[in-house]
């Protein structure tokens, strides 16, 4: 399990979104 933070553009940012590693390609 993770928490992710990222910004897609100036008006679309996310902080501490939870996520789970499903697989490796």
PDBML (XML) file of the C-alpha atoms, coordinates in Angstrom:
<?xml version="1.0" encoding="UTF-8" ?>
<PDBx:datablock datablockName="MODEL"
   xmlns:PDBx="http://pdbml.pdb.org/schema/pdbx-v50.xsd"
   xmlns:xsi="http://www.w3.org/2001/XMLSchema-instance"
   xsi:schemaLocation="http://pdbml.pdb.org/schema/pdbx-v50.xsd pdbx-v50.xsd">
   <PDBx:atom_siteCategory>
      <PDBx:atom_site id="1">
         <PDBx:B_iso_or_equiv>0.00</PDBx:B_iso_or_equiv>
         <PDBx:Cartn_x>0.000</PDBx:Cartn_x>
         <PDBx:Cartn_y>0.000</PDBx:Cartn_y>
         <PDBx:Cartn_z>0.000</PDBx:Cartn_z>
         <PDBx:auth_asym_id>A</PDBx:auth_asym_id>
         <PDBx:auth_atom_id>CA</PDBx:auth_atom_id>
         <PDBx:auth_comp_id>UNK</PDBx:auth_comp_id>
         <PDBx:auth_seq_id>1</PDBx:auth_seq_id>
         <PDBx:group_PDB>ATOM</PDBx:group_PDB>
         <PDBx:label_alt_id xsi:nil="true" />
         <PDBx:label_asym_id>A</PDBx:label_asym_id>
         <PDBx:label_atom_id>CA</PDBx:label_atom_id>
         <PDBx:label_comp_id>UNK</PDBx:label_comp_id>
         <PDBx:label_entity_id>1</PDBx:label_entity_id>
         <PDBx:label_seq_id>1</PDBx:label_seq_id>
         <PDBx:occupancy>1.00</PDBx:occupancy>
         <PDBx:pdbx_PDB_model_num>1</PDBx:pdbx_PDB_model_num>
         <PDBx:type_symbol>C</PDBx:type_symbol>
      </PDBx:atom_site>
      <PDBx:atom_site id="2">
         <PDBx:B_iso_or_equiv>0.00</PDBx:B_iso_or_equiv>
         <PDBx:Cartn_x>1.126</PDBx:Cartn_x>
         <PDBx:Cartn_y>3.534</PDBx:Cartn_y>
         <PDBx:Cartn_z>-0.837</PDBx:Cartn_z>
         <PDBx:auth_asym_id>A</PDBx:auth_asym_id>
         <PDBx:auth_atom_id>CA</PDBx:auth_atom_id>
         <PDBx:auth_comp_id>UNK</PDBx:auth_comp_id>
         <PDBx:auth_seq_id>2</PDBx:auth_seq_id>
         <PDBx:group_PDB>ATOM</PDBx:group_PDB>
         <PDBx:label_alt_id xsi:nil="true" />
         <PDBx:label_asym_id>A</PDBx:label_asym_id>
         <PDBx:label_atom_id>CA</PDBx:label_atom_id>
         <PDBx:label_comp_id>UNK</PDBx:label_comp_id>
         <PDBx:label_entity_id>1</PDBx:label_entity_id>
         <PDBx:label_seq_id>2</PDBx:label_seq_id>
         <PDBx:occupancy>1.00</PDBx:occupancy>
         <PDBx:pdbx_PDB_model_num>1</PDBx:pdbx_PDB_model_num>
         <PDBx:type_symbol>C</PDBx:type_symbol>
      </PDBx:atom_site>
      <PDBx:atom_site id="3">
         <PDBx:B_iso_or_equiv>0.00</PDBx:B_iso_or_equiv>
         <PDBx:Cartn_x>0.156</PDBx:Cartn_x>
         <PDBx:Cartn_y>7.137</PDBx:Cartn_y>
         <PDBx:Cartn_z>-0.605</PDBx:Cartn_z>
         <PDBx:auth_asym_id>A</PDBx:auth_asym_id>
         <PDBx:auth_atom_id>CA</PDBx:auth_atom_id>
         <PDBx:auth_comp_id>UNK</PDBx:auth_comp_id>
         <PDBx:auth_seq_id>3</PDBx:auth_seq_id>
         <PDBx:group_PDB>ATOM</PDBx:group_PDB>
         <PDBx:label_alt_id xsi:nil="true" />
         <PDBx:label_asym_id>A</PDBx:label_asym_id>
         <PDBx:label_atom_id>CA</PDBx:label_atom_id>
         <PDBx:label_comp_id>UNK</PDBx:label_comp_id>
         <PDBx:label_entity_id>1</PDBx:label_entity_id>
         <PDBx:label_seq_id>3</PDBx:label_seq_id>
         <PDBx:occupancy>1.00</PDBx:occupancy>
         <PDBx:pdbx_PDB_model_num>1</PDBx:pdbx_PDB_model_num>
         <PDBx:type_symbol>C</PDBx:type_symbol>
      </PDBx:atom_site>
      <PDBx:atom_site id="4">
         <PDBx:B_iso_or_equiv>0.00</PDBx:B_iso_or_equiv>
         <PDBx:Cartn_x>0.830</PDBx:Cartn_x>
         <PDBx:Cartn_y>9.111</PDBx:Cartn_y>
         <PDBx:Cartn_z>-3.763</PDBx:Cartn_z>
         <PDBx:auth_asym_id>A</PDBx:auth_asym_id>
         <PDBx:auth_atom_id>CA</PDBx:auth_atom_id>
         <PDBx:auth_comp_id>UNK</PDBx:auth_comp_id>
         <PDBx:auth_seq_id>4</PDBx:auth_seq_id>
         <PDBx:group_PDB>ATOM</PDBx:group_PDB>
         <PDBx:label_alt_id xsi:nil="true" />
         <PDBx:label_asym_id>A</PDBx:label_asym_id>
         <PDBx:label_atom_id>CA</PDBx:label_atom_id>
         <PDBx:label_comp_id>UNK</PDBx:label_comp_id>
         <PDBx:label_entity_id>1</PDBx:label_entity_id>
         <PDBx:label_seq_id>4</PDBx:label_seq_id>
         <PDBx:occupancy>1.00</PDBx:occupancy>
         <PDBx:pdbx_PDB_model_num>1</PDBx:pdbx_PDB_model_num>
         <PDBx:type_symbol>C</PDBx:type_symbol>
      </PDBx:atom_site>
      <PDBx:atom_site id="5">
         <PDBx:B_iso_or_equiv>0.00</PDBx:B_iso_or_equiv>
         <PDBx:Cartn_x>1.127</PDBx:Cartn_x>
         <PDBx:Cartn_y>12.832</PDBx:Cartn_y>
         <PDBx:Cartn_z>-4.391</PDBx:Cartn_z>
         <PDBx:auth_asym_id>A</PDBx:auth_asym_id>
         <PDBx:auth_atom_id>CA</PDBx:auth_atom_id>
         <PDBx:auth_comp_id>UNK</PDBx:auth_comp_id>
         <PDBx:auth_seq_id>5</PDBx:auth_seq_id>
         <PDBx:group_PDB>ATOM</PDBx:group_PDB>
         <PDBx:label_alt_id xsi:nil="true" />
         <PDBx:label_asym_id>A</PDBx:label_asym_id>
         <PDBx:label_atom_id>CA</PDBx:label_atom_id>
         <PDBx:label_comp_id>UNK</PDBx:label_comp_id>
         <PDBx:label_entity_id>1</PDBx:label_entity_id>
         <PDBx:label_seq_id>5</PDBx:label_seq_id>
         <PDBx:occupancy>1.00</PDBx:occupancy>
         <PDBx:pdbx_PDB_model_num>1</PDBx:pdbx_PDB_model_num>
         <PDBx:type_symbol>C</PDBx:type_symbol>
      </PDBx:atom_site>
      <PDBx:atom_site id="6">
         <PDBx:B_iso_or_equiv>0.00</PDBx:B_iso_or_equiv>
         <PDBx:Cartn_x>1.268</PDBx:Cartn_x>
         <PDBx:Cartn_y>14.334</PDBx:Cartn_y>
         <PDBx:Cartn_z>-7.889</PDBx:Cartn_z>
         <PDBx:auth_asym_id>A</PDBx:auth_asym_id>
         <PDBx:auth_atom_id>CA</PDBx:auth_atom_id>
         <PDBx:auth_comp_id>UNK</PDBx:auth_comp_id>
         <PDBx:auth_seq_id>6</PDBx:auth_seq_id>
         <PDBx:group_PDB>ATOM</PDBx:group_PDB>
         <PDBx:label_alt_id xsi:nil="true" />
         <PDBx:label_asym_id>A</PDBx:label_asym_id>
         <PDBx:label_atom_id>CA</PDBx:label_atom_id>
         <PDBx:label_comp_id>UNK</PDBx:label_comp_id>
         <PDBx:label_entity_id>1</PDBx:label_entity_id>
         <PDBx:label_seq_id>6</PDBx:label_seq_id>
         <PDBx:occupancy>1.00</PDBx:occupancy>
         <PDBx:pdbx_PDB_model_num>1</PDBx:pdbx_PDB_model_num>
         <PDBx:type_symbol>C</PDBx:type_symbol>
      </PDBx:atom_site>
      <PDBx:atom_site id="7">
         <PDBx:B_iso_or_equiv>0.00</PDBx:B_iso_or_equiv>
         <PDBx:Cartn_x>0.210</PDBx:Cartn_x>
         <PDBx:Cartn_y>17.287</PDBx:Cartn_y>
         <PDBx:Cartn_z>-10.005</PDBx:Cartn_z>
         <PDBx:auth_asym_id>A</PDBx:auth_asym_id>
         <PDBx:auth_atom_id>CA</PDBx:auth_atom_id>
         <PDBx:auth_comp_id>UNK</PDBx:auth_comp_id>
         <PDBx:auth_seq_id>7</PDBx:auth_seq_id>
         <PDBx:group_PDB>ATOM</PDBx:group_PDB>
         <PDBx:label_alt_id xsi:nil="true" />
         <PDBx:label_asym_id>A</PDBx:label_asym_id>
         <PDBx:label_atom_id>CA</PDBx:label_atom_id>
         <PDBx:label_comp_id>UNK</PDBx:label_comp_id>
         <PDBx:label_entity_id>1</PDBx:label_entity_id>
         <PDBx:label_seq_id>7</PDBx:label_seq_id>
         <PDBx:occupancy>1.00</PDBx:occupancy>
         <PDBx:pdbx_PDB_model_num>1</PDBx:pdbx_PDB_model_num>
         <PDBx:type_symbol>C</PDBx:type_symbol>
      </PDBx:atom_site>
      <PDBx:atom_site id="8">
         <PDBx:B_iso_or_equiv>0.00</PDBx:B_iso_or_equiv>
         <PDBx:Cartn_x>-1.274</PDBx:Cartn_x>
         <PDBx:Cartn_y>16.741</PDBx:Cartn_y>
         <PDBx:Cartn_z>-13.469</PDBx:Cartn_z>
         <PDBx:auth_asym_id>A</PDBx:auth_asym_id>
         <PDBx:auth_atom_id>CA</PDBx:auth_atom_id>
         <PDBx:auth_comp_id>UNK</PDBx:auth_comp_id>
         <PDBx:auth_seq_id>8</PDBx:auth_seq_id>
         <PDBx:group_PDB>ATOM</PDBx:group_PDB>
         <PDBx:label_alt_id xsi:nil="true" />
         <PDBx:label_asym_id>A</PDBx:label_asym_id>
         <PDBx:label_atom_id>CA</PDBx:label_atom_id>
         <PDBx:label_comp_id>UNK</PDBx:label_comp_id>
         <PDBx:label_entity_id>1</PDBx:label_entity_id>
         <PDBx:label_seq_id>8</PDBx:label_seq_id>
         <PDBx:occupancy>1.00</PDBx:occupancy>
         <PDBx:pdbx_PDB_model_num>1</PDBx:pdbx_PDB_model_num>
         <PDBx:type_symbol>C</PDBx:type_symbol>
      </PDBx:atom_site>
      <PDBx:atom_site id="9">
         <PDBx:B_iso_or_equiv>0.00</PDBx:B_iso_or_equiv>
         <PDBx:Cartn_x>-1.433</PDBx:Cartn_x>
         <PDBx:Cartn_y>20.444</PDBx:Cartn_y>
         <PDBx:Cartn_z>-14.312</PDBx:Cartn_z>
         <PDBx:auth_asym_id>A</PDBx:auth_asym_id>
         <PDBx:auth_atom_id>CA</PDBx:auth_atom_id>
         <PDBx:auth_comp_id>UNK</PDBx:auth_comp_id>
         <PDBx:auth_seq_id>9</PDBx:auth_seq_id>
         <PDBx:group_PDB>ATOM</PDBx:group_PDB>
         <PDBx:label_alt_id xsi:nil="true" />
         <PDBx:label_asym_id>A</PDBx:label_asym_id>
         <PDBx:label_atom_id>CA</PDBx:label_atom_id>
         <PDBx:label_comp_id>UNK</PDBx:label_comp_id>
         <PDBx:label_entity_id>1</PDBx:label_entity_id>
         <PDBx:label_seq_id>9</PDBx:label_seq_id>
         <PDBx:occupancy>1.00</PDBx:occupancy>
         <PDBx:pdbx_PDB_model_num>1</PDBx:pdbx_PDB_model_num>
         <PDBx:type_symbol>C</PDBx:type_symbol>
      </PDBx:atom_site>
      <PDBx:atom_site id="10">
         <PDBx:B_iso_or_equiv>0.00</PDBx:B_iso_or_equiv>
         <PDBx:Cartn_x>-1.735</PDBx:Cartn_x>
         <PDBx:Cartn_y>23.828</PDBx:Cartn_y>
         <PDBx:Cartn_z>-12.586</PDBx:Cartn_z>
         <PDBx:auth_asym_id>A</PDBx:auth_asym_id>
         <PDBx:auth_atom_id>CA</PDBx:auth_atom_id>
         <PDBx:auth_comp_id>UNK</PDBx:auth_comp_id>
         <PDBx:auth_seq_id>10</PDBx:auth_seq_id>
         <PDBx:group_PDB>ATOM</PDBx:group_PDB>
         <PDBx:label_alt_id xsi:nil="true" />
         <PDBx:label_asym_id>A</PDBx:label_asym_id>
         <PDBx:label_atom_id>CA</PDBx:label_atom_id>
         <PDBx:label_comp_id>UNK</PDBx:label_comp_id>
         <PDBx:label_entity_id>1</PDBx:label_entity_id>
         <PDBx:label_seq_id>10</PDBx:label_seq_id>
         <PDBx:occupancy>1.00</PDBx:occupancy>
         <PDBx:pdbx_PDB_model_num>1</PDBx:pdbx_PDB_model_num>
         <PDBx:type_symbol>C</PDBx:type_symbol>
      </PDBx:atom_site>
      <PDBx:atom_site id="11">
         <PDBx:B_iso_or_equiv>0.00</PDBx:B_iso_or_equiv>
         <PDBx:Cartn_x>-5.322</PDBx:Cartn_x>
         <PDBx:Cartn_y>23.175</PDBx:Cartn_y>
         <PDBx:Cartn_z>-11.486</PDBx:Cartn_z>
         <PDBx:auth_asym_id>A</PDBx:auth_asym_id>
         <PDBx:auth_atom_id>CA</PDBx:auth_atom_id>
         <PDBx:auth_comp_id>UNK</PDBx:auth_comp_id>
         <PDBx:auth_seq_id>11</PDBx:auth_seq_id>
         <PDBx:group_PDB>ATOM</PDBx:group_PDB>
         <PDBx:label_alt_id xsi:nil="true" />
         <PDBx:label_asym_id>A</PDBx:label_asym_id>
         <PDBx:label_atom_id>CA</PDBx:label_atom_id>
         <PDBx:label_comp_id>UNK</PDBx:label_comp_id>
         <PDBx:label_entity_id>1</PDBx:label_entity_id>
         <PDBx:label_seq_id>11</PDBx:label_seq_id>
         <PDBx:occupancy>1.00</PDBx:occupancy>
         <PDBx:pdbx_PDB_model_num>1</PDBx:pdbx_PDB_model_num>
         <PDBx:type_symbol>C</PDBx:type_symbol>
      </PDBx:atom_site>
      <PDBx:atom_site id="12">
         <PDBx:B_iso_or_equiv>0.00</PDBx:B_iso_or_equiv>
         <PDBx:Cartn_x>-5.274</PDBx:Cartn_x>
         <PDBx:Cartn_y>19.417</PDBx:Cartn_y>
         <PDBx:Cartn_z>-10.853</PDBx:Cartn_z>
         <PDBx:auth_asym_id>A</PDBx:auth_asym_id>
         <PDBx:auth_atom_id>CA</PDBx:auth_atom_id>
         <PDBx:auth_comp_id>UNK</PDBx:auth_comp_id>
         <PDBx:auth_seq_id>12</PDBx:auth_seq_id>
         <PDBx:group_PDB>ATOM</PDBx:group_PDB>
         <PDBx:label_alt_id xsi:nil="true" />
         <PDBx:label_asym_id>A</PDBx:label_asym_id>
         <PDBx:label_atom_id>CA</PDBx:label_atom_id>
         <PDBx:label_comp_id>UNK</PDBx:label_comp_id>
         <PDBx:label_entity_id>1</PDBx:label_entity_id>
         <PDBx:label_seq_id>12</PDBx:label_seq_id>
         <PDBx:occupancy>1.00</PDBx:occupancy>
         <PDBx:pdbx_PDB_model_num>1</PDBx:pdbx_PDB_model_num>
         <PDBx:type_symbol>C</PDBx:type_symbol>
      </PDBx:atom_site>
      <PDBx:atom_site id="13">
         <PDBx:B_iso_or_equiv>0.00</PDBx:B_iso_or_equiv>
         <PDBx:Cartn_x>-3.110</PDBx:Cartn_x>
         <PDBx:Cartn_y>18.237</PDBx:Cartn_y>
         <PDBx:Cartn_z>-7.941</PDBx:Cartn_z>
         <PDBx:auth_asym_id>A</PDBx:auth_asym_id>
         <PDBx:auth_atom_id>CA</PDBx:auth_atom_id>
         <PDBx:auth_comp_id>UNK</PDBx:auth_comp_id>
         <PDBx:auth_seq_id>13</PDBx:auth_seq_id>
         <PDBx:group_PDB>ATOM</PDBx:group_PDB>
         <PDBx:label_alt_id xsi:nil="true" />
         <PDBx:label_asym_id>A</PDBx:label_asym_id>
         <PDBx:label_atom_id>CA</PDBx:label_atom_id>
         <PDBx:label_comp_id>UNK</PDBx:label_comp_id>
         <PDBx:label_entity_id>1</PDBx:label_entity_id>
         <PDBx:label_seq_id>13</PDBx:label_seq_id>
         <PDBx:occupancy>1.00</PDBx:occupancy>
         <PDBx:pdbx_PDB_model_num>1</PDBx:pdbx_PDB_model_num>
         <PDBx:type_symbol>C</PDBx:type_symbol>
      </PDBx:atom_site>
      <PDBx:atom_site id="14">
         <PDBx:B_iso_or_equiv>0.00</PDBx:B_iso_or_equiv>
         <PDBx:Cartn_x>-3.506</PDBx:Cartn_x>
         <PDBx:Cartn_y>15.311</PDBx:Cartn_y>
         <PDBx:Cartn_z>-5.574</PDBx:Cartn_z>
         <PDBx:auth_asym_id>A</PDBx:auth_asym_id>
         <PDBx:auth_atom_id>CA</PDBx:auth_atom_id>
         <PDBx:auth_comp_id>UNK</PDBx:auth_comp_id>
         <PDBx:auth_seq_id>14</PDBx:auth_seq_id>
         <PDBx:group_PDB>ATOM</PDBx:group_PDB>
         <PDBx:label_alt_id xsi:nil="true" />
         <PDBx:label_asym_id>A</PDBx:label_asym_id>
         <PDBx:label_atom_id>CA</PDBx:label_atom_id>
         <PDBx:label_comp_id>UNK</PDBx:label_comp_id>
         <PDBx:label_entity_id>1</PDBx:label_entity_id>
         <PDBx:label_seq_id>14</PDBx:label_seq_id>
         <PDBx:occupancy>1.00</PDBx:occupancy>
         <PDBx:pdbx_PDB_model_num>1</PDBx:pdbx_PDB_model_num>
         <PDBx:type_symbol>C</PDBx:type_symbol>
      </PDBx:atom_site>
      <PDBx:atom_site id="15">
         <PDBx:B_iso_or_equiv>0.00</PDBx:B_iso_or_equiv>
         <PDBx:Cartn_x>-1.923</PDBx:Cartn_x>
         <PDBx:Cartn_y>14.814</PDBx:Cartn_y>
         <PDBx:Cartn_z>-2.161</PDBx:Cartn_z>
         <PDBx:auth_asym_id>A</PDBx:auth_asym_id>
         <PDBx:auth_atom_id>CA</PDBx:auth_atom_id>
         <PDBx:auth_comp_id>UNK</PDBx:auth_comp_id>
         <PDBx:auth_seq_id>15</PDBx:auth_seq_id>
         <PDBx:group_PDB>ATOM</PDBx:group_PDB>
         <PDBx:label_alt_id xsi:nil="true" />
         <PDBx:label_asym_id>A</PDBx:label_asym_id>
         <PDBx:label_atom_id>CA</PDBx:label_atom_id>
         <PDBx:label_comp_id>UNK</PDBx:label_comp_id>
         <PDBx:label_entity_id>1</PDBx:label_entity_id>
         <PDBx:label_seq_id>15</PDBx:label_seq_id>
         <PDBx:occupancy>1.00</PDBx:occupancy>
         <PDBx:pdbx_PDB_model_num>1</PDBx:pdbx_PDB_model_num>
         <PDBx:type_symbol>C</PDBx:type_symbol>
      </PDBx:atom_site>
      <PDBx:atom_site id="16">
         <PDBx:B_iso_or_equiv>0.00</PDBx:B_iso_or_equiv>
         <PDBx:Cartn_x>-1.734</PDBx:Cartn_x>
         <PDBx:Cartn_y>11.527</PDBx:Cartn_y>
         <PDBx:Cartn_z>-0.256</PDBx:Cartn_z>
         <PDBx:auth_asym_id>A</PDBx:auth_asym_id>
         <PDBx:auth_atom_id>CA</PDBx:auth_atom_id>
         <PDBx:auth_comp_id>UNK</PDBx:auth_comp_id>
         <PDBx:auth_seq_id>16</PDBx:auth_seq_id>
         <PDBx:group_PDB>ATOM</PDBx:group_PDB>
         <PDBx:label_alt_id xsi:nil="true" />
         <PDBx:label_asym_id>A</PDBx:label_asym_id>
         <PDBx:label_atom_id>CA</PDBx:label_atom_id>
         <PDBx:label_comp_id>UNK</PDBx:label_comp_id>
         <PDBx:label_entity_id>1</PDBx:label_entity_id>
         <PDBx:label_seq_id>16</PDBx:label_seq_id>
         <PDBx:occupancy>1.00</PDBx:occupancy>
         <PDBx:pdbx_PDB_model_num>1</PDBx:pdbx_PDB_model_num>
         <PDBx:type_symbol>C</PDBx:type_symbol>
      </PDBx:atom_site>
      <PDBx:atom_site id="17">
         <PDBx:B_iso_or_equiv>0.00</PDBx:B_iso_or_equiv>
         <PDBx:Cartn_x>-3.993</PDBx:Cartn_x>
         <PDBx:Cartn_y>9.447</PDBx:Cartn_y>
         <PDBx:Cartn_z>-2.500</PDBx:Cartn_z>
         <PDBx:auth_asym_id>A</PDBx:auth_asym_id>
         <PDBx:auth_atom_id>CA</PDBx:auth_atom_id>
         <PDBx:auth_comp_id>UNK</PDBx:auth_comp_id>
         <PDBx:auth_seq_id>17</PDBx:auth_seq_id>
         <PDBx:group_PDB>ATOM</PDBx:group_PDB>
         <PDBx:label_alt_id xsi:nil="true" />
         <PDBx:label_asym_id>A</PDBx:label_asym_id>
         <PDBx:label_atom_id>CA</PDBx:label_atom_id>
         <PDBx:label_comp_id>UNK</PDBx:label_comp_id>
         <PDBx:label_entity_id>1</PDBx:label_entity_id>
         <PDBx:label_seq_id>17</PDBx:label_seq_id>
         <PDBx:occupancy>1.00</PDBx:occupancy>
         <PDBx:pdbx_PDB_model_num>1</PDBx:pdbx_PDB_model_num>
         <PDBx:type_symbol>C</PDBx:type_symbol>
      </PDBx:atom_site>
      <PDBx:atom_site id="18">
         <PDBx:B_iso_or_equiv>0.00</PDBx:B_iso_or_equiv>
         <PDBx:Cartn_x>-4.025</PDBx:Cartn_x>
         <PDBx:Cartn_y>5.822</PDBx:Cartn_y>
         <PDBx:Cartn_z>-1.354</PDBx:Cartn_z>
         <PDBx:auth_asym_id>A</PDBx:auth_asym_id>
         <PDBx:auth_atom_id>CA</PDBx:auth_atom_id>
         <PDBx:auth_comp_id>UNK</PDBx:auth_comp_id>
         <PDBx:auth_seq_id>18</PDBx:auth_seq_id>
         <PDBx:group_PDB>ATOM</PDBx:group_PDB>
         <PDBx:label_alt_id xsi:nil="true" />
         <PDBx:label_asym_id>A</PDBx:label_asym_id>
         <PDBx:label_atom_id>CA</PDBx:label_atom_id>
         <PDBx:label_comp_id>UNK</PDBx:label_comp_id>
         <PDBx:label_entity_id>1</PDBx:label_entity_id>
         <PDBx:label_seq_id>18</PDBx:label_seq_id>
         <PDBx:occupancy>1.00</PDBx:occupancy>
         <PDBx:pdbx_PDB_model_num>1</PDBx:pdbx_PDB_model_num>
         <PDBx:type_symbol>C</PDBx:type_symbol>
      </PDBx:atom_site>
      <PDBx:atom_site id="19">
         <PDBx:B_iso_or_equiv>0.00</PDBx:B_iso_or_equiv>
         <PDBx:Cartn_x>-3.073</PDBx:Cartn_x>
         <PDBx:Cartn_y>3.075</PDBx:Cartn_y>
         <PDBx:Cartn_z>-3.764</PDBx:Cartn_z>
         <PDBx:auth_asym_id>A</PDBx:auth_asym_id>
         <PDBx:auth_atom_id>CA</PDBx:auth_atom_id>
         <PDBx:auth_comp_id>UNK</PDBx:auth_comp_id>
         <PDBx:auth_seq_id>19</PDBx:auth_seq_id>
         <PDBx:group_PDB>ATOM</PDBx:group_PDB>
         <PDBx:label_alt_id xsi:nil="true" />
         <PDBx:label_asym_id>A</PDBx:label_asym_id>
         <PDBx:label_atom_id>CA</PDBx:label_atom_id>
         <PDBx:label_comp_id>UNK</PDBx:label_comp_id>
         <PDBx:label_entity_id>1</PDBx:label_entity_id>
         <PDBx:label_seq_id>19</PDBx:label_seq_id>
         <PDBx:occupancy>1.00</PDBx:occupancy>
         <PDBx:pdbx_PDB_model_num>1</PDBx:pdbx_PDB_model_num>
         <PDBx:type_symbol>C</PDBx:type_symbol>
      </PDBx:atom_site>
      <PDBx:atom_site id="20">
         <PDBx:B_iso_or_equiv>0.00</PDBx:B_iso_or_equiv>
         <PDBx:Cartn_x>-2.135</PDBx:Cartn_x>
         <PDBx:Cartn_y>-0.610</PDBx:Cartn_y>
         <PDBx:Cartn_z>-3.955</PDBx:Cartn_z>
         <PDBx:auth_asym_id>A</PDBx:auth_asym_id>
         <PDBx:auth_atom_id>CA</PDBx:auth_atom_id>
         <PDBx:auth_comp_id>UNK</PDBx:auth_comp_id>
         <PDBx:auth_seq_id>20</PDBx:auth_seq_id>
         <PDBx:group_PDB>ATOM</PDBx:group_PDB>
         <PDBx:label_alt_id xsi:nil="true" />
         <PDBx:label_asym_id>A</PDBx:label_asym_id>
         <PDBx:label_atom_id>CA</PDBx:label_atom_id>
         <PDBx:label_comp_id>UNK</PDBx:label_comp_id>
         <PDBx:label_entity_id>1</PDBx:label_entity_id>
         <PDBx:label_seq_id>20</PDBx:label_seq_id>
         <PDBx:occupancy>1.00</PDBx:occupancy>
         <PDBx:pdbx_PDB_model_num>1</PDBx:pdbx_PDB_model_num>
         <PDBx:type_symbol>C</PDBx:type_symbol>
      </PDBx:atom_site>
      <PDBx:atom_site id="21">
         <PDBx:B_iso_or_equiv>0.00</PDBx:B_iso_or_equiv>
         <PDBx:Cartn_x>0.521</PDBx:Cartn_x>
         <PDBx:Cartn_y>-2.181</PDBx:Cartn_y>
         <PDBx:Cartn_z>-6.173</PDBx:Cartn_z>
         <PDBx:auth_asym_id>A</PDBx:auth_asym_id>
         <PDBx:auth_atom_id>CA</PDBx:auth_atom_id>
         <PDBx:auth_comp_id>UNK</PDBx:auth_comp_id>
         <PDBx:auth_seq_id>21</PDBx:auth_seq_id>
         <PDBx:group_PDB>ATOM</PDBx:group_PDB>
         <PDBx:label_alt_id xsi:nil="true" />
         <PDBx:label_asym_id>A</PDBx:label_asym_id>
         <PDBx:label_atom_id>CA</PDBx:label_atom_id>
         <PDBx:label_comp_id>UNK</PDBx:label_comp_id>
         <PDBx:label_entity_id>1</PDBx:label_entity_id>
         <PDBx:label_seq_id>21</PDBx:label_seq_id>
         <PDBx:occupancy>1.00</PDBx:occupancy>
         <PDBx:pdbx_PDB_model_num>1</PDBx:pdbx_PDB_model_num>
         <PDBx:type_symbol>C</PDBx:type_symbol>
      </PDBx:atom_site>
      <PDBx:atom_site id="22">
         <PDBx:B_iso_or_equiv>0.00</PDBx:B_iso_or_equiv>
         <PDBx:Cartn_x>-1.286</PDBx:Cartn_x>
         <PDBx:Cartn_y>-4.601</PDBx:Cartn_y>
         <PDBx:Cartn_z>-8.516</PDBx:Cartn_z>
         <PDBx:auth_asym_id>A</PDBx:auth_asym_id>
         <PDBx:auth_atom_id>CA</PDBx:auth_atom_id>
         <PDBx:auth_comp_id>UNK</PDBx:auth_comp_id>
         <PDBx:auth_seq_id>22</PDBx:auth_seq_id>
         <PDBx:group_PDB>ATOM</PDBx:group_PDB>
         <PDBx:label_alt_id xsi:nil="true" />
         <PDBx:label_asym_id>A</PDBx:label_asym_id>
         <PDBx:label_atom_id>CA</PDBx:label_atom_id>
         <PDBx:label_comp_id>UNK</PDBx:label_comp_id>
         <PDBx:label_entity_id>1</PDBx:label_entity_id>
         <PDBx:label_seq_id>22</PDBx:label_seq_id>
         <PDBx:occupancy>1.00</PDBx:occupancy>
         <PDBx:pdbx_PDB_model_num>1</PDBx:pdbx_PDB_model_num>
         <PDBx:type_symbol>C</PDBx:type_symbol>
      </PDBx:atom_site>
      <PDBx:atom_site id="23">
         <PDBx:B_iso_or_equiv>0.00</PDBx:B_iso_or_equiv>
         <PDBx:Cartn_x>1.453</PDBx:Cartn_x>
         <PDBx:Cartn_y>-5.843</PDBx:Cartn_y>
         <PDBx:Cartn_z>-10.822</PDBx:Cartn_z>
         <PDBx:auth_asym_id>A</PDBx:auth_asym_id>
         <PDBx:auth_atom_id>CA</PDBx:auth_atom_id>
         <PDBx:auth_comp_id>UNK</PDBx:auth_comp_id>
         <PDBx:auth_seq_id>23</PDBx:auth_seq_id>
         <PDBx:group_PDB>ATOM</PDBx:group_PDB>
         <PDBx:label_alt_id xsi:nil="true" />
         <PDBx:label_asym_id>A</PDBx:label_asym_id>
         <PDBx:label_atom_id>CA</PDBx:label_atom_id>
         <PDBx:label_comp_id>UNK</PDBx:label_comp_id>
         <PDBx:label_entity_id>1</PDBx:label_entity_id>
         <PDBx:label_seq_id>23</PDBx:label_seq_id>
         <PDBx:occupancy>1.00</PDBx:occupancy>
         <PDBx:pdbx_PDB_model_num>1</PDBx:pdbx_PDB_model_num>
         <PDBx:type_symbol>C</PDBx:type_symbol>
      </PDBx:atom_site>
      <PDBx:atom_site id="24">
         <PDBx:B_iso_or_equiv>0.00</PDBx:B_iso_or_equiv>
         <PDBx:Cartn_x>4.711</PDBx:Cartn_x>
         <PDBx:Cartn_y>-5.179</PDBx:Cartn_y>
         <PDBx:Cartn_z>-12.599</PDBx:Cartn_z>
         <PDBx:auth_asym_id>A</PDBx:auth_asym_id>
         <PDBx:auth_atom_id>CA</PDBx:auth_atom_id>
         <PDBx:auth_comp_id>UNK</PDBx:auth_comp_id>
         <PDBx:auth_seq_id>24</PDBx:auth_seq_id>
         <PDBx:group_PDB>ATOM</PDBx:group_PDB>
         <PDBx:label_alt_id xsi:nil="true" />
         <PDBx:label_asym_id>A</PDBx:label_asym_id>
         <PDBx:label_atom_id>CA</PDBx:label_atom_id>
         <PDBx:label_comp_id>UNK</PDBx:label_comp_id>
         <PDBx:label_entity_id>1</PDBx:label_entity_id>
         <PDBx:label_seq_id>24</PDBx:label_seq_id>
         <PDBx:occupancy>1.00</PDBx:occupancy>
         <PDBx:pdbx_PDB_model_num>1</PDBx:pdbx_PDB_model_num>
         <PDBx:type_symbol>C</PDBx:type_symbol>
      </PDBx:atom_site>
      <PDBx:atom_site id="25">
         <PDBx:B_iso_or_equiv>0.00</PDBx:B_iso_or_equiv>
         <PDBx:Cartn_x>4.887</PDBx:Cartn_x>
         <PDBx:Cartn_y>-5.043</PDBx:Cartn_y>
         <PDBx:Cartn_z>-16.378</PDBx:Cartn_z>
         <PDBx:auth_asym_id>A</PDBx:auth_asym_id>
         <PDBx:auth_atom_id>CA</PDBx:auth_atom_id>
         <PDBx:auth_comp_id>UNK</PDBx:auth_comp_id>
         <PDBx:auth_seq_id>25</PDBx:auth_seq_id>
         <PDBx:group_PDB>ATOM</PDBx:group_PDB>
         <PDBx:label_alt_id xsi:nil="true" />
         <PDBx:label_asym_id>A</PDBx:label_asym_id>
         <PDBx:label_atom_id>CA</PDBx:label_atom_id>
         <PDBx:label_comp_id>UNK</PDBx:label_comp_id>
         <PDBx:label_entity_id>1</PDBx:label_entity_id>
         <PDBx:label_seq_id>25</PDBx:label_seq_id>
         <PDBx:occupancy>1.00</PDBx:occupancy>
         <PDBx:pdbx_PDB_model_num>1</PDBx:pdbx_PDB_model_num>
         <PDBx:type_symbol>C</PDBx:type_symbol>
      </PDBx:atom_site>
   </PDBx:atom_siteCategory>
</PDBx:datablock>
